Amino acid sequence: MTRLSRKNLVVDAERVRDLASSRHTSESEAVREAVELALSAEDVMAAVRELHAQGGLDDVFGRLPDDAAAASPPA
């Protein structure tokens, strides 16, 4: 497990409370999960940017709508 440390954060208390309530967890756990989700989203976007830089995905089965296929660069 990662080592946890106390941080002094300024957050919207009502939003944190709502998030914790919707996840049935403590407010601290909700904030930790939100941080993990944000970091994961950055990893996903980095992978998407890398795919885009390499020319995108090939529609080898011809299943993309015509407008999506036209928007992607040729392989």
PDB file of N, CA and C in Angstrom:
ATOM      1  N   MET A   1       0.831  -1.175   0.000  1.00  0.00           N
ATOM      2  CA  MET A   1       0.000   0.000   0.000  1.00  0.00           C
ATOM      3  C   MET A   1       0.879   1.243   0.000  1.00  0.00           C
ATOM      4  N   THR A   2       0.401   2.267  -0.637  1.00  0.00           N
ATOM      5  CA  THR A   2       1.102   3.533  -0.691  1.00  0.00           C
ATOM      6  C   THR A   2       1.102   4.191   0.682  1.00  0.00           C
ATOM      7  N   ARG A   3       2.171   4.862   0.985  1.00  0.00           N
ATOM      8  CA  ARG A   3       2.256   5.579   2.256  1.00  0.00           C
ATOM      9  C   ARG A   3       1.384   6.828   2.175  1.00  0.00           C
ATOM     10  N   LEU A   4       0.501   6.983   3.123  1.00  0.00           N
ATOM     11  CA  LEU A   4      -0.409   8.121   3.151  1.00  0.00           C
ATOM     12  C   LEU A   4       0.172   9.220   4.016  1.00  0.00           C
ATOM     13  N   SER A   5      -0.111  10.468   3.653  1.00  0.00           N
ATOM     14  CA  SER A   5       0.307  11.594   4.476  1.00  0.00           C
ATOM     15  C   SER A   5      -0.814  12.624   4.509  1.00  0.00           C
ATOM     16  N   ARG A   6      -0.845  13.377   5.562  1.00  0.00           N
ATOM     17  CA  ARG A   6      -1.873  14.398   5.740  1.00  0.00           C
ATOM     18  C   ARG A   6      -1.506  15.620   4.905  1.00  0.00           C
ATOM     19  N   LYS A   7      -2.498  16.183   4.197  1.00  0.00           N
ATOM     20  CA  LYS A   7      -2.309  17.382   3.379  1.00  0.00           C
ATOM     21  C   LYS A   7      -3.384  18.393   3.751  1.00  0.00           C
ATOM     22  N   ASN A   8      -3.032  19.642   3.679  1.00  0.00           N
ATOM     23  CA  ASN A   8      -3.984  20.708   3.926  1.00  0.00           C
ATOM     24  C   ASN A   8      -4.537  21.147   2.572  1.00  0.00           C
ATOM     25  N   LEU A   9      -5.785  20.798   2.289  1.00  0.00           N
ATOM     26  CA  LEU A   9      -6.395  21.089   0.997  1.00  0.00           C
ATOM     27  C   LEU A   9      -7.592  22.006   1.165  1.00  0.00           C
ATOM     28  N   VAL A  10      -7.803  22.856   0.183  1.00  0.00           N
ATOM     29  CA  VAL A  10      -9.009  23.669   0.148  1.00  0.00           C
ATOM     30  C   VAL A  10      -9.906  23.048  -0.917  1.00  0.00           C
ATOM     31  N   VAL A  11     -11.036  22.518  -0.489  1.00  0.00           N
ATOM     32  CA  VAL A  11     -11.958  21.827  -1.394  1.00  0.00           C
ATOM     33  C   VAL A  11     -13.378  22.304  -1.125  1.00  0.00           C
ATOM     34  N   ASP A  12     -14.256  22.012  -2.056  1.00  0.00           N
ATOM     35  CA  ASP A  12     -15.672  22.290  -1.880  1.00  0.00           C
ATOM     36  C   ASP A  12     -16.239  21.178  -0.998  1.00  0.00           C
ATOM     37  N   ALA A  13     -16.485  21.488   0.264  1.00  0.00           N
ATOM     38  CA  ALA A  13     -16.891  20.478   1.239  1.00  0.00           C
ATOM     39  C   ALA A  13     -18.171  19.754   0.825  1.00  0.00           C
ATOM     40  N   GLU A  14     -19.109  20.495   0.266  1.00  0.00           N
ATOM     41  CA  GLU A  14     -20.374  19.862  -0.134  1.00  0.00           C
ATOM     42  C   GLU A  14     -20.154  18.869  -1.265  1.00  0.00           C
ATOM     43  N   ARG A  15     -19.297  19.224  -2.212  1.00  0.00           N
ATOM     44  CA  ARG A  15     -19.025  18.319  -3.334  1.00  0.00           C
ATOM     45  C   ARG A  15     -18.303  17.053  -2.851  1.00  0.00           C
ATOM     46  N   VAL A  16     -17.349  17.215  -1.952  1.00  0.00           N
ATOM     47  CA  VAL A  16     -16.640  16.058  -1.402  1.00  0.00           C
ATOM     48  C   VAL A  16     -17.618  15.179  -0.628  1.00  0.00           C
ATOM     49  N   ARG A  17     -18.482  15.803   0.150  1.00  0.00           N
ATOM     50  CA  ARG A  17     -19.489  15.050   0.911  1.00  0.00           C
ATOM     51  C   ARG A  17     -20.417  14.283  -0.039  1.00  0.00           C
ATOM     52  N   ASP A  18     -20.846  14.942  -1.136  1.00  0.00           N
ATOM     53  CA  ASP A  18     -21.703  14.278  -2.120  1.00  0.00           C
ATOM     54  C   ASP A  18     -20.988  13.098  -2.788  1.00  0.00           C
ATOM     55  N   LEU A  19     -19.717  13.303  -3.130  1.00  0.00           N
ATOM     56  CA  LEU A  19     -18.944  12.229  -3.748  1.00  0.00           C
ATOM     57  C   LEU A  19     -18.806  11.049  -2.805  1.00  0.00           C
ATOM     58  N   ALA A  20     -18.474  11.334  -1.557  1.00  0.00           N
ATOM     59  CA  ALA A  20     -18.324  10.262  -0.569  1.00  0.00           C
ATOM     60  C   ALA A  20     -19.643   9.526  -0.371  1.00  0.00           C
ATOM     61  N   SER A  21     -20.725  10.260  -0.319  1.00  0.00           N
ATOM     62  CA  SER A  21     -22.035   9.647  -0.136  1.00  0.00           C
ATOM     63  C   SER A  21     -22.386   8.745  -1.317  1.00  0.00           C
ATOM     64  N   SER A  22     -22.118   9.217  -2.532  1.00  0.00           N
ATOM     65  CA  SER A  22     -22.454   8.415  -3.710  1.00  0.00           C
ATOM     66  C   SER A  22     -21.601   7.160  -3.815  1.00  0.00           C
ATOM     67  N   ARG A  23     -20.411   7.203  -3.237  1.00  0.00           N
ATOM     68  CA  ARG A  23     -19.508   6.044  -3.269  1.00  0.00           C
ATOM     69  C   ARG A  23     -19.589   5.199  -2.007  1.00  0.00           C
ATOM     70  N   HIS A  24     -20.426   5.639  -1.066  1.00  0.00           N
ATOM     71  CA  HIS A  24     -20.590   4.923   0.216  1.00  0.00           C
ATOM     72  C   HIS A  24     -19.246   4.719   0.900  1.00  0.00           C
ATOM     73  N   THR A  25     -18.510   5.807   1.008  1.00  0.00           N
ATOM     74  CA  THR A  25     -17.186   5.746   1.608  1.00  0.00           C
ATOM     75  C   THR A  25     -16.939   7.016   2.424  1.00  0.00           C
ATOM     76  N   SER A  26     -15.793   7.086   3.047  1.00  0.00           N
ATOM     77  CA  SER A  26     -15.443   8.295   3.799  1.00  0.00           C
ATOM     78  C   SER A  26     -15.036   9.398   2.827  1.00  0.00           C
ATOM     79  N   GLU A  27     -15.046  10.622   3.323  1.00  0.00           N
ATOM     80  CA  GLU A  27     -14.616  11.737   2.494  1.00  0.00           C
ATOM     81  C   GLU A  27     -13.143  11.603   2.111  1.00  0.00           C
ATOM     82  N   SER A  28     -12.323  11.149   3.037  1.00  0.00           N
ATOM     83  CA  SER A  28     -10.895  10.965   2.731  1.00  0.00           C
ATOM     84  C   SER A  28     -10.700   9.944   1.624  1.00  0.00           C
ATOM     85  N   GLU A  29     -11.420   8.831   1.718  1.00  0.00           N
ATOM     86  CA  GLU A  29     -11.304   7.795   0.682  1.00  0.00           C
ATOM     87  C   GLU A  29     -11.814   8.320  -0.654  1.00  0.00           C
ATOM     88  N   ALA A  30     -12.879   9.091  -0.635  1.00  0.00           N
ATOM     89  CA  ALA A  30     -13.420   9.656  -1.874  1.00  0.00           C
ATOM     90  C   ALA A  30     -12.394  10.561  -2.551  1.00  0.00           C
ATOM     91  N   VAL A  31     -11.693  11.374  -1.768  1.00  0.00           N
ATOM     92  CA  VAL A  31     -10.662  12.249  -2.337  1.00  0.00           C
ATOM     93  C   VAL A  31      -9.510  11.414  -2.885  1.00  0.00           C
ATOM     94  N   ARG A  32      -9.088  10.383  -2.150  1.00  0.00           N
ATOM     95  CA  ARG A  32      -8.002   9.519  -2.649  1.00  0.00           C
ATOM     96  C   ARG A  32      -8.407   8.866  -3.965  1.00  0.00           C
ATOM     97  N   GLU A  33      -9.652   8.383  -4.054  1.00  0.00           N
ATOM     98  CA  GLU A  33     -10.125   7.758  -5.291  1.00  0.00           C
ATOM     99  C   GLU A  33     -10.184   8.772  -6.434  1.00  0.00           C
ATOM    100  N   ALA A  34     -10.580  10.008  -6.128  1.00  0.00           N
ATOM    101  CA  ALA A  34     -10.645  11.046  -7.157  1.00  0.00           C
ATOM    102  C   ALA A  34      -9.247  11.351  -7.705  1.00  0.00           C
ATOM    103  N   VAL A  35      -8.255  11.370  -6.841  1.00  0.00           N
ATOM    104  CA  VAL A  35      -6.874  11.596  -7.279  1.00  0.00           C
ATOM    105  C   VAL A  35      -6.427  10.451  -8.182  1.00  0.00           C
ATOM    106  N   GLU A  36      -6.707   9.218  -7.794  1.00  0.00           N
ATOM    107  CA  GLU A  36      -6.341   8.063  -8.624  1.00  0.00           C
ATOM    108  C   GLU A  36      -7.042   8.112  -9.978  1.00  0.00           C
ATOM    109  N   LEU A  37      -8.317   8.501  -9.979  1.00  0.00           N
ATOM    110  CA  LEU A  37      -9.067   8.600 -11.225  1.00  0.00           C
ATOM    111  C   LEU A  37      -8.466   9.673 -12.141  1.00  0.00           C
ATOM    112  N   ALA A  38      -8.087  10.806 -11.570  1.00  0.00           N
ATOM    113  CA  ALA A  38      -7.481  11.874 -12.364  1.00  0.00           C
ATOM    114  C   ALA A  38      -6.150  11.425 -12.962  1.00  0.00           C
ATOM    115  N   LEU A  39      -5.334  10.730 -12.172  1.00  0.00           N
ATOM    116  CA  LEU A  39      -4.053  10.232 -12.686  1.00  0.00           C
ATOM    117  C   LEU A  39      -4.261   9.182 -13.772  1.00  0.00           C
ATOM    118  N   SER A  40      -5.241   8.315 -13.605  1.00  0.00           N
ATOM    119  CA  SER A  40      -5.550   7.306 -14.618  1.00  0.00           C
ATOM    120  C   SER A  40      -6.020   7.959 -15.912  1.00  0.00           C
ATOM    121  N   ALA A  41      -6.836   9.012 -15.787  1.00  0.00           N
ATOM    122  CA  ALA A  41      -7.313   9.720 -16.979  1.00  0.00           C
ATOM    123  C   ALA A  41      -6.149  10.339 -17.743  1.00  0.00           C
ATOM    124  N   GLU A  42      -5.167  10.855 -17.026  1.00  0.00           N
ATOM    125  CA  GLU A  42      -3.985  11.401 -17.696  1.00  0.00           C
ATOM    126  C   GLU A  42      -3.229  10.315 -18.455  1.00  0.00           C
ATOM    127  N   ASP A  43      -3.130   9.122 -17.868  1.00  0.00           N
ATOM    128  CA  ASP A  43      -2.469   7.999 -18.547  1.00  0.00           C
ATOM    129  C   ASP A  43      -3.222   7.611 -19.814  1.00  0.00           C
ATOM    130  N   VAL A  44      -4.543   7.562 -19.730  1.00  0.00           N
ATOM    131  CA  VAL A  44      -5.364   7.207 -20.894  1.00  0.00           C
ATOM    132  C   VAL A  44      -5.195   8.248 -21.987  1.00  0.00           C
ATOM    133  N   MET A  45      -5.237   9.523 -21.617  1.00  0.00           N
ATOM    134  CA  MET A  45      -5.099  10.571 -22.621  1.00  0.00           C
ATOM    135  C   MET A  45      -3.710  10.567 -23.254  1.00  0.00           C
ATOM    136  N   ALA A  46      -2.696  10.237 -22.494  1.00  0.00           N
ATOM    137  CA  ALA A  46      -1.348  10.121 -23.067  1.00  0.00           C
ATOM    138  C   ALA A  46      -1.319   9.002 -24.108  1.00  0.00           C
ATOM    139  N   ALA A  47      -1.982   7.898 -23.826  1.00  0.00           N
ATOM    140  CA  ALA A  47      -2.038   6.789 -24.783  1.00  0.00           C
ATOM    141  C   ALA A  47      -2.823   7.184 -26.030  1.00  0.00           C
ATOM    142  N   VAL A  48      -3.916   7.910 -25.863  1.00  0.00           N
ATOM    143  CA  VAL A  48      -4.706   8.367 -27.010  1.00  0.00           C
ATOM    144  C   VAL A  48      -3.883   9.329 -27.869  1.00  0.00           C
ATOM    145  N   ARG A  49      -3.161  10.248 -27.228  1.00  0.00           N
ATOM    146  CA  ARG A  49      -2.313  11.174 -27.991  1.00  0.00           C
ATOM    147  C   ARG A  49      -1.227  10.421 -28.757  1.00  0.00           C
ATOM    148  N   GLU A  50      -0.660   9.398 -28.132  1.00  0.00           N
ATOM    149  CA  GLU A  50       0.367   8.599 -28.801  1.00  0.00           C
ATOM    150  C   GLU A  50      -0.220   7.859 -30.008  1.00  0.00           C
ATOM    151  N   LEU A  51      -1.413   7.291 -29.853  1.00  0.00           N
ATOM    152  CA  LEU A  51      -2.072   6.635 -30.985  1.00  0.00           C
ATOM    153  C   LEU A  51      -2.329   7.630 -32.111  1.00  0.00           C
ATOM    154  N   HIS A  52      -2.792   8.812 -31.740  1.00  0.00           N
ATOM    155  CA  HIS A  52      -3.051   9.845 -32.745  1.00  0.00           C
ATOM    156  C   HIS A  52      -1.768  10.223 -33.473  1.00  0.00           C
ATOM    157  N   ALA A  53      -0.674  10.374 -32.729  1.00  0.00           N
ATOM    158  CA  ALA A  53       0.609  10.742 -33.327  1.00  0.00           C
ATOM    159  C   ALA A  53       1.102   9.666 -34.286  1.00  0.00           C
ATOM    160  N   GLN A  54       0.711   8.419 -34.041  1.00  0.00           N
ATOM    161  CA  GLN A  54       1.130   7.315 -34.903  1.00  0.00           C
ATOM    162  C   GLN A  54       0.143   7.058 -36.039  1.00  0.00           C
ATOM    163  N   GLY A  55      -0.845   7.929 -36.185  1.00  0.00           N
ATOM    164  CA  GLY A  55      -1.781   7.799 -37.304  1.00  0.00           C
ATOM    165  C   GLY A  55      -3.122   7.215 -36.931  1.00  0.00           C
ATOM    166  N   GLY A  56      -3.360   6.960 -35.671  1.00  0.00           N
ATOM    167  CA  GLY A  56      -4.667   6.454 -35.250  1.00  0.00           C
ATOM    168  C   GLY A  56      -4.792   4.955 -35.433  1.00  0.00           C
ATOM    169  N   LEU A  57      -6.022   4.501 -35.318  1.00  0.00           N
ATOM    170  CA  LEU A  57      -6.324   3.077 -35.456  1.00  0.00           C
ATOM    171  C   LEU A  57      -6.780   2.775 -36.877  1.00  0.00           C
ATOM    172  N   ASP A  58      -6.429   1.619 -37.385  1.00  0.00           N
ATOM    173  CA  ASP A  58      -6.912   1.174 -38.683  1.00  0.00           C
ATOM    174  C   ASP A  58      -8.250   0.478 -38.501  1.00  0.00           C
ATOM    175  N   ASP A  59      -9.201   0.795 -39.362  1.00  0.00           N
ATOM    176  CA  ASP A  59     -10.517   0.157 -39.336  1.00  0.00           C
ATOM    177  C   ASP A  59     -10.465  -1.086 -40.217  1.00  0.00           C
ATOM    178  N   VAL A  60      -9.777  -2.124 -39.731  1.00  0.00           N
ATOM    179  CA  VAL A  60      -9.537  -3.311 -40.550  1.00  0.00           C
ATOM    180  C   VAL A  60     -10.813  -4.089 -40.847  1.00  0.00           C
ATOM    181  N   PHE A  61     -11.862  -3.904 -40.058  1.00  0.00           N
ATOM    182  CA  PHE A  61     -13.121  -4.607 -40.292  1.00  0.00           C
ATOM    183  C   PHE A  61     -14.161  -3.727 -40.982  1.00  0.00           C
ATOM    184  N   GLY A  62     -13.821  -2.465 -41.245  1.00  0.00           N
ATOM    185  CA  GLY A  62     -14.745  -1.572 -41.929  1.00  0.00           C
ATOM    186  C   GLY A  62     -15.989  -1.263 -41.126  1.00  0.00           C
ATOM    187  N   ARG A  63     -15.862  -1.155 -39.813  1.00  0.00           N
ATOM    188  CA  ARG A  63     -17.042  -0.950 -38.963  1.00  0.00           C
ATOM    189  C   ARG A  63     -17.225   0.489 -38.495  1.00  0.00           C
ATOM    190  N   LEU A  64     -16.250   1.363 -38.746  1.00  0.00           N
ATOM    191  CA  LEU A  64     -16.408   2.753 -38.332  1.00  0.00           C
ATOM    192  C   LEU A  64     -17.394   3.447 -39.249  1.00  0.00           C
ATOM    193  N   PRO A  65     -18.181   4.381 -38.718  1.00  0.00           N
ATOM    194  CA  PRO A  65     -19.064   5.171 -39.598  1.00  0.00           C
ATOM    195  C   PRO A  65     -18.221   5.929 -40.623  1.00  0.00           C
ATOM    196  N   ASP A  66     -18.796   6.229 -41.756  1.00  0.00           N
ATOM    197  CA  ASP A  66     -18.058   6.892 -42.827  1.00  0.00           C
ATOM    198  C   ASP A  66     -17.414   8.187 -42.375  1.00  0.00           C
ATOM    199  N   ASP A  67     -18.114   8.998 -41.551  1.00  0.00           N
ATOM    200  CA  ASP A  67     -17.534  10.259 -41.110  1.00  0.00           C
ATOM    201  C   ASP A  67     -16.343  10.041 -40.185  1.00  0.00           C
ATOM    202  N   ALA A  68     -16.329   8.982 -39.390  1.00  0.00           N
ATOM    203  CA  ALA A  68     -15.191   8.691 -38.513  1.00  0.00           C
ATOM    204  C   ALA A  68     -13.999   8.209 -39.337  1.00  0.00           C
ATOM    205  N   ALA A  69     -14.255   7.392 -40.335  1.00  0.00           N
ATOM    206  CA  ALA A  69     -13.176   6.891 -41.186  1.00  0.00           C
ATOM    207  C   ALA A  69     -12.574   8.028 -41.996  1.00  0.00           C
ATOM    208  N   ALA A  70     -13.407   8.964 -42.462  1.00  0.00           N
ATOM    209  CA  ALA A  70     -12.918  10.093 -43.242  1.00  0.00           C
ATOM    210  C   ALA A  70     -12.092  11.046 -42.389  1.00  0.00           C
ATOM    211  N   ALA A  71     -12.383  11.111 -41.095  1.00  0.00           N
ATOM    212  CA  ALA A  71     -11.682  12.042 -40.221  1.00  0.00           C
ATOM    213  C   ALA A  71     -10.319  11.527 -39.796  1.00  0.00           C
ATOM    214  N   SER A  72     -10.111  10.217 -39.829  1.00  0.00           N
ATOM    215  CA  SER A  72      -8.835   9.677 -39.397  1.00  0.00           C
ATOM    216  C   SER A  72      -7.834   9.715 -40.567  1.00  0.00           C
ATOM    217  N   PRO A  73      -6.572   9.982 -40.255  1.00  0.00           N
ATOM    218  CA  PRO A  73      -5.552  10.050 -41.310  1.00  0.00           C
ATOM    219  C   PRO A  73      -5.305   8.680 -41.916  1.00  0.00           C
ATOM    220  N   PRO A  74      -4.950   8.635 -43.180  1.00  0.00           N
ATOM    221  CA  PRO A  74      -4.681   7.336 -43.823  1.00  0.00           C
ATOM    222  C   PRO A  74      -3.465   6.658 -43.205  1.00  0.00           C
ATOM    223  N   ALA A  75      -3.510   5.335 -43.198  1.00  0.00           N
ATOM    224  CA  ALA A  75      -2.404   4.565 -42.606  1.00  0.00           C
ATOM    225  C   ALA A  75      -1.255   4.431 -43.554  1.00  0.00           C
TER     226      ALA A  75
END
